[in-house]
Amino acid sequence: MNQKKVLYNLLFVVITAIALTVLIEFELTDKYMGFALIPMLIAYYLGQWAERKTRPKSK
């Protein structure tokens, strides 16, 4: 993996962890904690897909 992709993956994990921590601290995830992960995983995989689609073709 190249350094740029590793940086974006690490940044996404950190932002996701912060968002989940904030949700837990404000008790917004009492009943639906499992469902809170679904949009974050969808965003992660959409980002991976977009990166593959926009990457220049190497010969």
N, C-alpha and C. Protein backbone atom coordinates (compact mmCIF):
# COMPACT_ATOMS: atom_id res chain seq x y z
N MET A 1 0.85 -1.18 0.00
CA MET A 1 0.00 0.00 0.00
C MET A 1 0.89 1.24 0.00
N ASN A 2 0.45 2.21 -0.72
CA ASN A 2 1.23 3.44 -0.73
C ASN A 2 0.92 4.28 0.52
N GLN A 3 1.78 5.23 0.76
CA GLN A 3 1.68 6.04 1.98
C GLN A 3 0.41 6.87 2.03
N LYS A 4 -0.05 7.37 0.87
CA LYS A 4 -1.24 8.22 0.84
C LYS A 4 -2.48 7.44 1.26
N LYS A 5 -2.58 6.20 0.79
CA LYS A 5 -3.73 5.36 1.14
C LYS A 5 -3.70 5.00 2.62
N VAL A 6 -2.54 4.71 3.14
CA VAL A 6 -2.40 4.41 4.57
C VAL A 6 -2.81 5.61 5.40
N LEU A 7 -2.41 6.80 4.97
CA LEU A 7 -2.77 8.03 5.70
C LEU A 7 -4.27 8.22 5.72
N TYR A 8 -4.94 8.04 4.57
CA TYR A 8 -6.38 8.22 4.52
C TYR A 8 -7.11 7.16 5.34
N ASN A 9 -6.63 5.93 5.31
CA ASN A 9 -7.24 4.88 6.12
C ASN A 9 -7.11 5.19 7.60
N LEU A 10 -5.93 5.61 8.01
CA LEU A 10 -5.70 5.96 9.41
C LEU A 10 -6.55 7.15 9.82
N LEU A 11 -6.63 8.14 8.96
CA LEU A 11 -7.45 9.32 9.24
C LEU A 11 -8.92 8.95 9.39
N PHE A 12 -9.42 8.07 8.53
CA PHE A 12 -10.81 7.64 8.62
C PHE A 12 -11.06 6.90 9.92
N VAL A 13 -10.15 6.03 10.32
CA VAL A 13 -10.32 5.29 11.57
C VAL A 13 -10.35 6.24 12.76
N VAL A 14 -9.47 7.22 12.77
CA VAL A 14 -9.42 8.18 13.88
C VAL A 14 -10.70 9.01 13.94
N ILE A 15 -11.15 9.51 12.80
CA ILE A 15 -12.38 10.31 12.77
C ILE A 15 -13.58 9.47 13.19
N THR A 16 -13.64 8.23 12.74
CA THR A 16 -14.73 7.33 13.13
C THR A 16 -14.71 7.08 14.64
N ALA A 17 -13.52 6.85 15.18
CA ALA A 17 -13.41 6.61 16.62
C ALA A 17 -13.86 7.84 17.41
N ILE A 18 -13.49 9.01 16.95
CA ILE A 18 -13.91 10.25 17.64
C ILE A 18 -15.42 10.40 17.56
N ALA A 19 -15.99 10.16 16.38
CA ALA A 19 -17.44 10.29 16.23
C ALA A 19 -18.18 9.31 17.13
N LEU A 20 -17.72 8.07 17.19
CA LEU A 20 -18.38 7.09 18.05
C LEU A 20 -18.22 7.45 19.53
N THR A 21 -17.06 7.97 19.90
CA THR A 21 -16.84 8.38 21.28
C THR A 21 -17.79 9.52 21.67
N VAL A 22 -17.97 10.47 20.77
CA VAL A 22 -18.89 11.59 21.03
C VAL A 22 -20.32 11.06 21.17
N LEU A 23 -20.72 10.16 20.28
CA LEU A 23 -22.06 9.59 20.36
C LEU A 23 -22.28 8.86 21.68
N ILE A 24 -21.29 8.13 22.13
CA ILE A 24 -21.41 7.39 23.39
C ILE A 24 -21.45 8.35 24.57
N GLU A 25 -20.59 9.38 24.55
CA GLU A 25 -20.55 10.34 25.66
C GLU A 25 -21.86 11.09 25.83
N PHE A 26 -22.53 11.41 24.75
CA PHE A 26 -23.80 12.12 24.83
C PHE A 26 -24.99 11.16 24.90
N GLU A 27 -24.69 9.90 25.09
CA GLU A 27 -25.70 8.84 25.24
C GLU A 27 -26.72 8.83 24.10
N LEU A 28 -26.23 9.00 22.89
CA LEU A 28 -27.10 8.97 21.72
C LEU A 28 -27.20 7.58 21.11
N THR A 29 -26.49 6.63 21.71
CA THR A 29 -26.43 5.29 21.12
C THR A 29 -26.95 4.23 22.07
N ASP A 30 -27.92 4.57 22.89
CA ASP A 30 -28.41 3.61 23.87
C ASP A 30 -28.95 2.34 23.22
N LYS A 31 -29.79 2.49 22.24
CA LYS A 31 -30.44 1.31 21.65
C LYS A 31 -29.84 0.90 20.31
N TYR A 32 -29.19 1.82 19.61
CA TYR A 32 -28.84 1.57 18.23
C TYR A 32 -27.34 1.63 17.94
N MET A 33 -26.51 1.17 18.86
CA MET A 33 -25.07 1.25 18.66
C MET A 33 -24.62 0.43 17.45
N GLY A 34 -25.20 -0.74 17.27
CA GLY A 34 -24.84 -1.56 16.13
C GLY A 34 -25.17 -0.91 14.81
N PHE A 35 -26.27 -0.18 14.78
CA PHE A 35 -26.67 0.49 13.56
C PHE A 35 -25.84 1.73 13.28
N ALA A 36 -25.17 2.28 14.28
CA ALA A 36 -24.33 3.45 14.08
C ALA A 36 -23.10 3.10 13.25
N LEU A 37 -22.68 1.85 13.29
CA LEU A 37 -21.50 1.44 12.52
C LEU A 37 -21.80 1.27 11.04
N ILE A 38 -23.03 0.98 10.69
CA ILE A 38 -23.37 0.70 9.30
C ILE A 38 -23.08 1.88 8.37
N PRO A 39 -23.55 3.11 8.67
CA PRO A 39 -23.22 4.23 7.77
C PRO A 39 -21.72 4.50 7.69
N MET A 40 -21.01 4.29 8.78
CA MET A 40 -19.56 4.51 8.76
C MET A 40 -18.85 3.49 7.89
N LEU A 41 -19.27 2.24 7.96
CA LEU A 41 -18.68 1.22 7.09
C LEU A 41 -19.04 1.48 5.64
N ILE A 42 -20.26 1.90 5.37
CA ILE A 42 -20.65 2.22 4.00
C ILE A 42 -19.79 3.36 3.47
N ALA A 43 -19.57 4.38 4.27
CA ALA A 43 -18.74 5.51 3.85
C ALA A 43 -17.31 5.06 3.57
N TYR A 44 -16.79 4.17 4.40
CA TYR A 44 -15.43 3.67 4.21
C TYR A 44 -15.31 2.91 2.88
N TYR A 45 -16.24 2.00 2.64
CA TYR A 45 -16.16 1.20 1.42
C TYR A 45 -16.47 2.02 0.17
N LEU A 46 -17.34 3.01 0.27
CA LEU A 46 -17.56 3.91 -0.86
C LEU A 46 -16.30 4.71 -1.18
N GLY A 47 -15.59 5.12 -0.16
CA GLY A 47 -14.33 5.82 -0.36
C GLY A 47 -13.29 4.94 -1.03
N GLN A 48 -13.22 3.68 -0.62
CA GLN A 48 -12.30 2.74 -1.25
C GLN A 48 -12.66 2.53 -2.72
N TRP A 49 -13.94 2.40 -3.00
CA TRP A 49 -14.41 2.19 -4.37
C TRP A 49 -14.09 3.42 -5.23
N ALA A 50 -14.35 4.62 -4.69
CA ALA A 50 -14.09 5.85 -5.43
C ALA A 50 -12.59 6.00 -5.71
N GLU A 51 -11.77 5.60 -4.77
CA GLU A 51 -10.33 5.68 -4.96
C GLU A 51 -9.89 4.77 -6.10
N ARG A 52 -10.45 3.59 -6.18
CA ARG A 52 -10.10 2.66 -7.26
C ARG A 52 -10.60 3.17 -8.61
N LYS A 53 -11.77 3.80 -8.63
CA LYS A 53 -12.34 4.31 -9.88
C LYS A 53 -11.59 5.53 -10.40
N THR A 54 -11.06 6.36 -9.53
CA THR A 54 -10.42 7.60 -9.96
C THR A 54 -8.91 7.46 -10.10
N ARG A 55 -8.37 6.33 -9.72
CA ARG A 55 -6.92 6.12 -9.84
C ARG A 55 -6.56 6.05 -11.33
N PRO A 56 -5.49 6.72 -11.73
CA PRO A 56 -5.09 6.63 -13.14
C PRO A 56 -4.63 5.22 -13.48
N LYS A 57 -4.96 4.80 -14.67
CA LYS A 57 -4.57 3.47 -15.14
C LYS A 57 -3.06 3.43 -15.37
N SER A 58 -2.41 2.43 -14.81
CA SER A 58 -0.96 2.28 -15.04
C SER A 58 -0.73 1.24 -16.13
N LYS A 59 0.25 1.49 -16.94
CA LYS A 59 0.53 0.57 -18.06
C LYS A 59 1.65 -0.35 -17.73
